[in-house]
Structures are given as structure tokens and as C-alpha cells.
């Protein structure tokens, strides 16, 4: 079953028939020495820090996947009002947190 994920409170054309509660997923990622070295070089010449962009994209995908697994485990077919948050855990490591409201829609 394909789960609908959205950052808005409703899904156009669908009706929420059951509210299942908050679902969440997270991951903690540490910096990579090679990425740090390349980021240092980019600070000199400027430009996108592609290594960090990739790291954040991977972290978002992993956190979202864990949120989706939790939603499916409780019988949801959609997660609405999805949000992302980040926080520093320790020097060189950060948490990416995805959360939303699991619902059943028709």
C-alpha cells in the first residue's frame, strides 16, 4: 500500500476518517572526515558543499522512512502535517527528526 505523505493538514479529494496519532522517525548522523576536508576547500573558493547536501538528503530519507514504517504499523494510509527538525547532538553529529499525524483517509 502506497502511503500518502504531505506537509499540509488535509489531502485534497480525501476525507480523514480516523486519526491515529503522532508518528515519528529520526536518525543521528556524524560528519565524515573526507567531507570536512572538501568543505574546508569550498570555504576558500566558495560554492555548494555537496557532501553535506548529500548527507542531509540521506538523513531526511532515512528519518522519513522510519516515520512511514511506524505509520504503516498502526494502520495509517497517510501522514499529514509532516515536519522536519534538526538538532545538534554533540560536536560533529546532528539529529534529523521527521514527524507528522498518522491518519486513515478515504
Protein backbone atom coordinates (compact mmCIF):
# COMPACT_ATOMS: atom_id res chain seq x y z
CA UNK A 1 0.00 0.00 0.00
CA UNK A 2 1.34 3.41 -1.01
CA UNK A 3 1.28 5.84 1.89
CA UNK A 4 0.40 9.47 1.17
CA UNK A 5 2.78 11.93 2.84
CA UNK A 6 2.07 15.66 2.89
CA UNK A 7 3.05 18.75 4.82
CA UNK A 8 -0.47 20.20 4.67
CA UNK A 9 -3.30 19.45 7.09
CA UNK A 10 -5.65 17.91 4.54
CA UNK A 11 -5.40 15.92 1.33
CA UNK A 12 -7.50 17.41 -1.47
CA UNK A 13 -10.22 15.00 -2.53
CA UNK A 14 -9.78 12.81 0.55
CA UNK A 15 -11.55 12.74 3.92
CA UNK A 16 -9.80 11.86 7.16
CA UNK A 17 -11.90 9.08 8.70
CA UNK A 18 -9.57 8.08 11.53
CA UNK A 19 -6.88 9.90 13.49
CA UNK A 20 -4.15 7.52 14.69
CA UNK A 21 -1.80 9.97 16.37
CA UNK A 22 1.75 11.22 16.10
CA UNK A 23 4.32 9.18 14.18
CA UNK A 24 8.00 9.94 14.02
CA UNK A 25 11.33 8.85 12.68
CA UNK A 26 14.84 10.04 13.33
CA UNK A 27 18.49 9.47 12.56
CA UNK A 28 21.69 10.82 14.03
CA UNK A 29 24.50 11.43 11.56
CA UNK A 30 28.14 12.34 12.13
CA UNK A 31 30.36 14.36 9.84
CA UNK A 32 32.77 12.47 7.60
CA UNK A 33 36.46 13.45 7.57
CA UNK A 34 36.58 13.45 3.76
CA UNK A 35 33.52 15.67 3.57
CA UNK A 36 35.03 18.03 6.15
CA UNK A 37 38.22 18.32 4.08
CA UNK A 38 36.27 19.13 0.92
CA UNK A 39 34.06 21.60 2.83
CA UNK A 40 37.22 23.36 4.00
CA UNK A 41 38.34 23.74 0.40
CA UNK A 42 34.93 25.06 -0.62
CA UNK A 43 35.16 27.69 2.12
CA UNK A 44 38.21 29.06 0.30
CA UNK A 45 36.74 29.13 -3.21
CA UNK A 46 33.00 29.22 -2.45
CA UNK A 47 30.21 27.02 -3.73
CA UNK A 48 27.80 24.34 -2.59
CA UNK A 49 29.02 21.85 -0.01
CA UNK A 50 27.71 18.85 -1.95
CA UNK A 51 28.97 16.30 0.58
CA UNK A 52 26.85 17.89 3.30
CA UNK A 53 23.87 18.28 0.95
CA UNK A 54 24.05 14.54 0.22
CA UNK A 55 24.40 13.75 3.94
CA UNK A 56 21.29 15.77 4.80
CA UNK A 57 19.29 14.24 1.93
CA UNK A 58 20.23 10.73 3.11
CA UNK A 59 19.28 11.64 6.69
CA UNK A 60 15.89 13.07 5.60
CA UNK A 61 15.14 9.93 3.58
CA UNK A 62 16.07 7.65 6.47
CA UNK A 63 14.05 9.61 9.05
CA UNK A 64 11.05 9.79 6.69
CA UNK A 65 11.29 6.05 6.00
CA UNK A 66 11.22 5.29 9.71
CA UNK A 67 8.21 7.57 10.18
CA UNK A 68 6.40 5.80 7.31
CA UNK A 69 7.17 2.37 8.82
CA UNK A 70 5.69 3.48 12.13
CA UNK A 71 2.57 4.85 10.40
CA UNK A 72 2.03 1.65 8.40
CA UNK A 73 2.48 -0.45 11.53
CA UNK A 74 -0.52 1.25 13.13
CA UNK A 75 -2.71 1.02 10.03
CA UNK A 76 -2.37 4.50 8.52
CA UNK A 77 -2.65 5.12 4.81
CA UNK A 78 -1.49 8.76 5.07
CA UNK A 79 0.65 11.04 7.19
CA UNK A 80 -0.40 14.67 7.21
CA UNK A 81 1.19 17.86 8.52
CA UNK A 82 4.72 16.39 8.17
CA UNK A 83 7.56 18.46 9.59
CA UNK A 84 11.34 18.12 9.85
CA UNK A 85 13.59 19.28 12.65
CA UNK A 86 17.32 19.16 13.24
CA UNK A 87 19.36 19.48 16.39
CA UNK A 88 22.98 19.17 17.38
CA UNK A 89 23.64 16.07 19.46
CA UNK A 90 27.37 16.52 20.00
CA UNK A 91 30.25 18.20 18.23
CA UNK A 92 30.20 16.87 14.68
CA UNK A 93 26.87 14.99 14.93
CA UNK A 94 23.29 16.06 14.37
CA UNK A 95 19.83 14.51 14.59
CA UNK A 96 17.29 14.82 11.83
CA UNK A 97 13.75 14.24 13.06
CA UNK A 98 10.64 13.73 10.89
CA UNK A 99 7.16 13.75 12.40
CA UNK A 100 3.53 14.01 11.39
CA UNK A 101 -0.01 12.86 12.10
CA UNK A 102 -0.93 9.34 11.02
CA UNK A 103 -4.45 9.08 9.62
CA UNK A 104 -6.74 6.89 7.57
CA UNK A 105 -8.25 8.67 4.57
CA UNK A 106 -10.90 7.68 2.05
